C-alpha atoms as a PDB file:
ATOM      1  CA  UNK A   1       0.282   0.129   0.239  1.00  0.00           C
ATOM      2  CA  UNK A   2       1.550   3.192  -0.956  1.00  0.00           C
ATOM      3  CA  UNK A   3       3.121   5.202   2.103  1.00  0.00           C
ATOM      4  CA  UNK A   4       0.875   8.270   1.099  1.00  0.00           C
ATOM      5  CA  UNK A   5      -2.265   6.409   2.345  1.00  0.00           C
ATOM      6  CA  UNK A   6      -1.596   5.686   5.688  1.00  0.00           C
ATOM      7  CA  UNK A   7      -4.637   3.635   7.267  1.00  0.00           C
ATOM      8  CA  UNK A   8      -5.874   5.849   9.939  1.00  0.00           C
ATOM      9  CA  UNK A   9      -5.350   5.590  13.448  1.00  0.00           C
ATOM     10  CA  UNK A  10      -9.467   7.043  14.318  1.00  0.00           C
ATOM     11  CA  UNK A  11     -12.336   6.897  12.722  1.00  0.00           C
ATOM     12  CA  UNK A  12     -15.799   7.420  13.221  1.00  0.00           C
ATOM     13  CA  UNK A  13     -19.210   5.465  11.960  1.00  0.00           C
ATOM     14  CA  UNK A  14     -21.917   7.291  11.180  1.00  0.00           C
ATOM     15  CA  UNK A  15     -25.140   5.573  12.231  1.00  0.00           C
ATOM     16  CA  UNK A  16     -28.561   6.303  10.746  1.00  0.00           C
ATOM     17  CA  UNK A  17     -30.803   8.248  13.874  1.00  0.00           C
ATOM     18  CA  UNK A  18     -33.805   5.839  12.356  1.00  0.00           C
ATOM     19  CA  UNK A  19     -31.870   2.941  13.219  1.00  0.00           C
ATOM     20  CA  UNK A  20     -33.808   1.039  15.855  1.00  0.00           C
ATOM     21  CA  UNK A  21     -31.136  -1.181  17.651  1.00  0.00           C
ATOM     22  CA  UNK A  22     -28.145  -0.425  15.786  1.00  0.00           C
ATOM     23  CA  UNK A  23     -24.997  -2.553  16.220  1.00  0.00           C
ATOM     24  CA  UNK A  24     -22.261  -2.602  18.969  1.00  0.00           C
ATOM     25  CA  UNK A  25     -18.735  -1.075  17.997  1.00  0.00           C
ATOM     26  CA  UNK A  26     -15.733  -1.351  20.094  1.00  0.00           C
ATOM     27  CA  UNK A  27     -13.783   1.706  21.129  1.00  0.00           C
ATOM     28  CA  UNK A  28     -10.767   0.313  19.317  1.00  0.00           C
ATOM     29  CA  UNK A  29      -9.997  -2.778  16.897  1.00  0.00           C
ATOM     30  CA  UNK A  30      -7.368  -4.203  14.845  1.00  0.00           C
ATOM     31  CA  UNK A  31      -7.170  -3.684  11.565  1.00  0.00           C
ATOM     32  CA  UNK A  32      -5.129  -5.794   9.037  1.00  0.00           C
ATOM     33  CA  UNK A  33      -4.099  -4.427   5.742  1.00  0.00           C
ATOM     34  CA  UNK A  34      -3.656  -5.974   2.707  1.00  0.00           C
ATOM     35  CA  UNK A  35      -0.022  -6.969   3.680  1.00  0.00           C
ATOM     36  CA  UNK A  36      -1.300  -8.437   6.586  1.00  0.00           C
ATOM     37  CA  UNK A  37       0.288  -5.654   9.053  1.00  0.00           C
ATOM     38  CA  UNK A  38      -2.152  -5.032  12.435  1.00  0.00           C
ATOM     39  CA  UNK A  39      -3.358  -0.979  12.983  1.00  0.00           C
ATOM     40  CA  UNK A  40      -4.916  -0.776  16.110  1.00  0.00           C
ATOM     41  CA  UNK A  41      -7.903   1.943  15.194  1.00  0.00           C
ATOM     42  CA  UNK A  42     -10.037   4.292  17.524  1.00  0.00           C
ATOM     43  CA  UNK A  43     -13.391   4.235  16.860  1.00  0.00           C
ATOM     44  CA  UNK A  44     -15.974   6.746  17.615  1.00  0.00           C
ATOM     45  CA  UNK A  45     -20.011   6.471  16.496  1.00  0.00           C
ATOM     46  CA  UNK A  46     -21.810   9.543  15.892  1.00  0.00           C
ATOM     47  CA  UNK A  47     -25.537   9.617  14.715  1.00  0.00           C
ATOM     48  CA  UNK A  48     -26.453  10.988  11.662  1.00  0.00           C
ATOM     49  CA  UNK A  49     -29.654  11.251   9.399  1.00  0.00           C
ATOM     50  CA  UNK A  50     -28.097   9.594   6.307  1.00  0.00           C
ATOM     51  CA  UNK A  51     -29.913   9.864   2.829  1.00  0.00           C
ATOM     52  CA  UNK A  52     -29.572   6.066   2.259  1.00  0.00           C
ATOM     53  CA  UNK A  53     -28.081   3.403   4.189  1.00  0.00           C
ATOM     54  CA  UNK A  54     -27.906   2.940   8.065  1.00  0.00           C
ATOM     55  CA  UNK A  55     -24.018   3.090   8.803  1.00  0.00           C
ATOM     56  CA  UNK A  56     -21.316   4.858   6.892  1.00  0.00           C
ATOM     57  CA  UNK A  57     -17.943   6.398   7.426  1.00  0.00           C
ATOM     58  CA  UNK A  58     -17.452   9.756   8.196  1.00  0.00           C
ATOM     59  CA  UNK A  59     -16.090  11.612   4.883  1.00  0.00           C
ATOM     60  CA  UNK A  60     -15.867   8.457   2.804  1.00  0.00           C
ATOM     61  CA  UNK A  61     -19.712   8.655   2.464  1.00  0.00           C
ATOM     62  CA  UNK A  62     -19.503   7.768  -0.987  1.00  0.00           C
ATOM     63  CA  UNK A  63     -17.105   4.933  -0.773  1.00  0.00           C
ATOM     64  CA  UNK A  64     -19.525   2.584   1.029  1.00  0.00           C
ATOM     65  CA  UNK A  65     -22.666   2.284   2.644  1.00  0.00           C
ATOM     66  CA  UNK A  66     -24.465  -0.454   4.483  1.00  0.00           C
ATOM     67  CA  UNK A  67     -27.915  -1.227   4.549  1.00  0.00           C
ATOM     68  CA  UNK A  68     -28.740  -3.241   7.265  1.00  0.00           C
ATOM     69  CA  UNK A  69     -31.921  -5.533   8.013  1.00  0.00           C
ATOM     70  CA  UNK A  70     -32.851  -7.430  11.197  1.00  0.00           C
ATOM     71  CA  UNK A  71     -34.839 -10.516   9.788  1.00  0.00           C
ATOM     72  CA  UNK A  72     -36.401 -12.355   7.212  1.00  0.00           C
ATOM     73  CA  UNK A  73     -39.667 -10.854   7.862  1.00  0.00           C
ATOM     74  CA  UNK A  74     -38.481  -7.240   8.342  1.00  0.00           C
ATOM     75  CA  UNK A  75     -37.623  -7.876   4.295  1.00  0.00           C
ATOM     76  CA  UNK A  76     -40.725  -9.671   3.242  1.00  0.00           C
ATOM     77  CA  UNK A  77     -42.502  -7.014   5.058  1.00  0.00           C
ATOM     78  CA  UNK A  78     -40.448  -4.091   2.820  1.00  0.00           C
ATOM     79  CA  UNK A  79     -40.592  -6.098  -0.368  1.00  0.00           C
ATOM     80  CA  UNK A  80     -44.002  -7.949  -0.389  1.00  0.00           C
ATOM     81  CA  UNK A  81     -46.245  -5.271   0.530  1.00  0.00           C
ATOM     82  CA  UNK A  82     -47.564  -2.037   0.155  1.00  0.00           C
ATOM     83  CA  UNK A  83     -43.949  -0.792   1.500  1.00  0.00           C
ATOM     84  CA  UNK A  84     -42.535  -2.220  -1.760  1.00  0.00           C
ATOM     85  CA  UNK A  85     -42.377   0.676  -3.725  1.00  0.00           C
ATOM     86  CA  UNK A  86     -40.481   2.585  -1.142  1.00  0.00           C
ATOM     87  CA  UNK A  87     -38.349   0.059   0.051  1.00  0.00           C
ATOM     88  CA  UNK A  88     -37.012  -0.921  -3.306  1.00  0.00           C
ATOM     89  CA  UNK A  89     -36.786   2.982  -4.207  1.00  0.00           C
ATOM     90  CA  UNK A  90     -34.479   3.027  -1.202  1.00  0.00           C
ATOM     91  CA  UNK A  91     -32.178   0.420  -2.257  1.00  0.00           C
ATOM     92  CA  UNK A  92     -31.510   1.850  -5.364  1.00  0.00           C
ATOM     93  CA  UNK A  93     -30.986   5.022  -3.588  1.00  0.00           C
ATOM     94  CA  UNK A  94     -28.181   3.112  -1.731  1.00  0.00           C
ATOM     95  CA  UNK A  95     -26.847   2.278  -4.887  1.00  0.00           C
ATOM     96  CA  UNK A  96     -26.793   5.258  -6.341  1.00  0.00           C
ATOM     97  CA  UNK A  97     -24.947   6.753  -3.075  1.00  0.00           C
ATOM     98  CA  UNK A  98     -22.083   4.856  -3.518  1.00  0.00           C
ATOM     99  CA  UNK A  99     -19.127   2.876  -4.554  1.00  0.00           C
ATOM    100  CA  UNK A 100     -19.719  -0.107  -2.577  1.00  0.00           C
ATOM    101  CA  UNK A 101     -23.457  -0.357  -1.470  1.00  0.00           C
ATOM    102  CA  UNK A 102     -23.937  -3.098   0.989  1.00  0.00           C
ATOM    103  CA  UNK A 103     -27.046  -4.849   2.420  1.00  0.00           C
ATOM    104  CA  UNK A 104     -26.460  -6.302   5.555  1.00  0.00           C
ATOM    105  CA  UNK A 105     -29.223  -9.538   6.533  1.00  0.00           C
ATOM    106  CA  UNK A 106     -29.109 -10.916  10.015  1.00  0.00           C
ATOM    107  CA  UNK A 107     -30.190 -13.937   8.470  1.00  0.00           C
ATOM    108  CA  UNK A 108     -28.843 -16.975   7.064  1.00  0.00           C
ATOM    109  CA  UNK A 109     -29.338 -17.582   3.477  1.00  0.00           C
ATOM    110  CA  UNK A 110     -31.346 -20.585   4.360  1.00  0.00           C
ATOM    111  CA  UNK A 111     -34.206 -19.180   6.703  1.00  0.00           C
ATOM    112  CA  UNK A 112     -34.947 -17.523   3.231  1.00  0.00           C
ATOM    113  CA  UNK A 113     -35.855 -20.898   2.217  1.00  0.00           C
ATOM    114  CA  UNK A 114     -37.717 -22.386   5.060  1.00  0.00           C
ATOM    115  CA  UNK A 115     -39.485 -25.238   2.901  1.00  0.00           C
ATOM    116  CA  UNK A 116     -36.720 -26.002   0.303  1.00  0.00           C
ATOM    117  CA  UNK A 117     -35.835 -24.088  -2.666  1.00  0.00           C
ATOM    118  CA  UNK A 118     -38.443 -25.378  -4.848  1.00  0.00           C
ATOM    119  CA  UNK A 119     -40.979 -24.032  -2.772  1.00  0.00           C
ATOM    120  CA  UNK A 120     -42.896 -20.469  -2.812  1.00  0.00           C
ATOM    121  CA  UNK A 121     -42.463 -19.384  -0.142  1.00  0.00           C
ATOM    122  CA  UNK A 122     -42.628 -15.351   1.029  1.00  0.00           C
ATOM    123  CA  UNK A 123     -39.094 -15.747   1.693  1.00  0.00           C
ATOM    124  CA  UNK A 124     -38.345 -16.690  -1.650  1.00  0.00           C
ATOM    125  CA  UNK A 125     -40.302 -14.074  -3.207  1.00  0.00           C
ATOM    126  CA  UNK A 126     -38.172 -11.722  -1.224  1.00  0.00           C
ATOM    127  CA  UNK A 127     -35.086 -12.954  -1.851  1.00  0.00           C
ATOM    128  CA  UNK A 128     -35.958 -12.657  -5.588  1.00  0.00           C
ATOM    129  CA  UNK A 129     -36.521  -9.102  -5.418  1.00  0.00           C
ATOM    130  CA  UNK A 130     -33.105  -8.691  -3.313  1.00  0.00           C
ATOM    131  CA  UNK A 131     -31.641 -11.112  -6.159  1.00  0.00           C
ATOM    132  CA  UNK A 132     -32.977  -8.418  -9.076  1.00  0.00           C
ATOM    133  CA  UNK A 133     -31.633  -5.929  -7.333  1.00  0.00           C
ATOM    134  CA  UNK A 134     -28.230  -6.907  -7.172  1.00  0.00           C
ATOM    135  CA  UNK A 135     -28.186  -8.098 -10.569  1.00  0.00           C
ATOM    136  CA  UNK A 136     -29.353  -4.671 -12.250  1.00  0.00           C
ATOM    137  CA  UNK A 137     -28.240  -2.386  -9.621  1.00  0.00           C
ATOM    138  CA  UNK A 138     -24.807  -3.841  -8.212  1.00  0.00           C
ATOM    139  CA  UNK A 139     -26.473  -4.232  -4.657  1.00  0.00           C
ATOM    140  CA  UNK A 140     -23.955  -6.694  -2.913  1.00  0.00           C
ATOM    141  CA  UNK A 141     -25.990  -8.862   0.078  1.00  0.00           C
ATOM    142  CA  UNK A 142     -23.976 -10.027   3.097  1.00  0.00           C
ATOM    143  CA  UNK A 143     -25.852 -13.074   5.182  1.00  0.00           C
ATOM    144  CA  UNK A 144     -24.487 -11.907   8.419  1.00  0.00           C
ATOM    145  CA  UNK A 145     -26.977 -15.082  10.357  1.00  0.00           C
ATOM    146  CA  UNK A 146     -28.784 -14.322  13.328  1.00  0.00           C
ATOM    147  CA  UNK A 147     -27.103 -11.337  15.134  1.00  0.00           C
ATOM    148  CA  UNK A 148     -29.510 -10.592  18.056  1.00  0.00           C
ATOM    149  CA  UNK A 149     -27.065 -11.126  20.936  1.00  0.00           C
ATOM    150  CA  UNK A 150     -24.782  -8.566  22.273  1.00  0.00           C
ATOM    151  CA  UNK A 151     -22.079 -10.748  21.274  1.00  0.00           C
ATOM    152  CA  UNK A 152     -22.734 -11.229  17.935  1.00  0.00           C
ATOM    153  CA  UNK A 153     -23.934  -7.697  17.894  1.00  0.00           C
ATOM    154  CA  UNK A 154     -20.495  -6.261  18.488  1.00  0.00           C
ATOM    155  CA  UNK A 155     -18.733  -8.803  16.326  1.00  0.00           C
ATOM    156  CA  UNK A 156     -20.714  -7.577  13.059  1.00  0.00           C
ATOM    157  CA  UNK A 157     -19.696  -3.933  14.616  1.00  0.00           C
ATOM    158  CA  UNK A 158     -16.020  -4.935  13.824  1.00  0.00           C
ATOM    159  CA  UNK A 159     -16.775  -6.346  10.798  1.00  0.00           C
ATOM    160  CA  UNK A 160     -18.743  -3.287   9.276  1.00  0.00           C
ATOM    161  CA  UNK A 161     -15.811  -0.896  10.602  1.00  0.00           C
ATOM    162  CA  UNK A 162     -13.630  -3.104   8.633  1.00  0.00           C
ATOM    163  CA  UNK A 163     -15.888  -3.680   5.292  1.00  0.00           C
ATOM    164  CA  UNK A 164     -16.322   0.506   5.445  1.00  0.00           C
ATOM    165  CA  UNK A 165     -12.178   1.196   5.983  1.00  0.00           C
ATOM    166  CA  UNK A 166     -11.606  -1.287   3.207  1.00  0.00           C
ATOM    167  CA  UNK A 167     -13.870   0.210   0.656  1.00  0.00           C
ATOM    168  CA  UNK A 168     -12.285   3.574   2.183  1.00  0.00           C
ATOM    169  CA  UNK A 169      -8.566   2.792   1.992  1.00  0.00           C
ATOM    170  CA  UNK A 170      -7.871  -0.061  -0.281  1.00  0.00           C
ATOM    171  CA  UNK A 171     -10.271  -0.561  -3.053  1.00  0.00           C
ATOM    172  CA  UNK A 172      -9.116   0.106  -6.319  1.00  0.00           C
ATOM    173  CA  UNK A 173     -10.999   3.656  -6.203  1.00  0.00           C
ATOM    174  CA  UNK A 174      -9.096   4.154  -3.086  1.00  0.00           C
ATOM    175  CA  UNK A 175      -5.666   3.762  -3.729  1.00  0.00           C
ATOM    176  CA  UNK A 176      -6.449   6.270  -6.339  1.00  0.00           C
ATOM    177  CA  UNK A 177      -5.285   9.224  -3.598  1.00  0.00           C
ATOM    178  CA  UNK A 178      -6.672  11.704  -5.814  1.00  0.00           C
ATOM    179  CA  UNK A 179      -9.990  10.107  -5.675  1.00  0.00           C
ATOM    180  CA  UNK A 180      -9.791   9.698  -1.957  1.00  0.00           C
ATOM    181  CA  UNK A 181      -8.970  13.824  -1.717  1.00  0.00           C
ATOM    182  CA  UNK A 182     -11.838  14.576  -3.993  1.00  0.00           C
ATOM    183  CA  UNK A 183     -14.870  12.033  -2.538  1.00  0.00           C
ATOM    184  CA  UNK A 184     -13.771  13.526   0.629  1.00  0.00           C
ATOM    185  CA  UNK A 185     -14.097  16.993  -0.008  1.00  0.00           C
ATOM    186  CA  UNK A 186     -17.178  16.287  -1.737  1.00  0.00           C
ATOM    187  CA  UNK A 187     -18.731  14.588   0.985  1.00  0.00           C
ATOM    188  CA  UNK A 188     -17.276  17.757   3.597  1.00  0.00           C
ATOM    189  CA  UNK A 189     -18.835  20.565   1.189  1.00  0.00           C
ATOM    190  CA  UNK A 190     -22.058  18.509   1.242  1.00  0.00           C
ATOM    191  CA  UNK A 191     -21.590  18.413   4.816  1.00  0.00           C
ATOM    192  CA  UNK A 192     -21.027  22.340   4.738  1.00  0.00           C
ATOM    193  CA  UNK A 193     -24.145  23.255   2.624  1.00  0.00           C
ATOM    194  CA  UNK A 194     -26.184  20.984   5.123  1.00  0.00           C
ATOM    195  CA  UNK A 195     -24.559  23.067   8.032  1.00  0.00           C
ATOM    196  CA  UNK A 196     -25.511  26.610   6.644  1.00  0.00           C
ATOM    197  CA  UNK A 197     -29.005  25.432   5.577  1.00  0.00           C
ATOM    198  CA  UNK A 198     -29.254  24.620   9.277  1.00  0.00           C
ATOM    199  CA  UNK A 199     -27.893  27.690  10.656  1.00  0.00           C
ATOM    200  CA  UNK A 200     -30.105  29.927   8.435  1.00  0.00           C
ATOM    201  CA  UNK A 201     -32.956  28.300  10.018  1.00  0.00           C
ATOM    202  CA  UNK A 202     -31.836  28.897  13.418  1.00  0.00           C
ATOM    203  CA  UNK A 203     -30.298  32.234  13.774  1.00  0.00           C
ATOM    204  CA  UNK A 204     -31.492  35.828  11.706  1.00  0.00           C
ATOM    205  CA  UNK A 205     -28.555  35.363   9.826  1.00  0.00           C
ATOM    206  CA  UNK A 206     -28.888  37.677   6.523  1.00  0.00           C
ATOM    207  CA  UNK A 207     -30.649  35.638   3.975  1.00  0.00           C
ATOM    208  CA  UNK A 208     -28.893  37.087   0.743  1.00  0.00           C
ATOM    209  CA  UNK A 209     -25.604  36.286   2.846  1.00  0.00           C
ATOM    210  CA  UNK A 210     -26.498  32.155   3.058  1.00  0.00           C
ATOM    211  CA  UNK A 211     -27.637  32.534  -0.174  1.00  0.00           C
ATOM    212  CA  UNK A 212     -24.857  33.238  -1.820  1.00  0.00           C
ATOM    213  CA  UNK A 213     -22.362  31.225   0.513  1.00  0.00           C
ATOM    214  CA  UNK A 214     -24.888  28.041  -0.294  1.00  0.00           C
ATOM    215  CA  UNK A 215     -24.260  29.564  -4.233  1.00  0.00           C
ATOM    216  CA  UNK A 216     -20.398  29.586  -3.891  1.00  0.00           C
ATOM    217  CA  UNK A 217     -19.984  25.846  -2.175  1.00  0.00           C
ATOM    218  CA  UNK A 218     -22.129  24.116  -4.976  1.00  0.00           C
ATOM    219  CA  UNK A 219     -19.875  26.034  -7.695  1.00  0.00           C
ATOM    220  CA  UNK A 220     -17.172  23.834  -5.476  1.00  0.00           C
ATOM    221  CA  UNK A 221     -19.037  20.599  -5.363  1.00  0.00           C
ATOM    222  CA  UNK A 222     -19.502  20.976  -9.574  1.00  0.00           C
ATOM    223  CA  UNK A 223     -16.073  21.631 -10.041  1.00  0.00           C
ATOM    224  CA  UNK A 224     -15.548  18.591  -7.739  1.00  0.00           C
ATOM    225  CA  UNK A 225     -17.618  15.938  -9.607  1.00  0.00           C
ATOM    226  CA  UNK A 226     -16.461  16.924 -12.871  1.00  0.00           C
ATOM    227  CA  UNK A 227     -12.846  16.451 -11.190  1.00  0.00           C
ATOM    228  CA  UNK A 228     -13.963  13.102 -10.107  1.00  0.00           C
ATOM    229  CA  UNK A 229     -15.908  11.861 -13.875  1.00  0.00           C
ATOM    230  CA  UNK A 230     -12.652  13.145 -15.535  1.00  0.00           C
END
């Protein structure tokens, strides 16, 4: 791995504020890079309203996001009910929000087929919908198995932290140092726009100053997008 792209000593995992029973993350963990060199990494979590996914790495929202479903019943309730259109749109939005979109299922593959592969069950129908989304939109499905206990949720938290780091620092896109800088800058600019808008709602800031600041930041975002795509 290039010397100018070091593994960080500290990361912050963003957790969507709507996540009802979030994973448990340790204060620190060991991350092994591609040369199997161990790195002790401190970890903080921060609740944040994410427009897609439940977990992401601060500064690298466009690298990887993880959407988590807690059970087969939740997946079926999302994809085989009147909520289907909203749930499908949410997963498609996840695939467009980052390079590595992950759907994390707190269930084993076999639990979607309780009566065998040739039986028509709700789980089988829901899995067909997920596989179609995977084929059409590049959604990556990860079966974690049942993770209800505290110990399992903590282990899964470490795995997700490692996955987010790998996507941010050690994928082909990440190893392009310029690409990382651009993605981080774009994410920071988007956060700045939202911060200005919040400030405008909560203070008596002159509206023309806010409008000018947002316009300037939006211009920088467009320039960043052009550089990212070039």
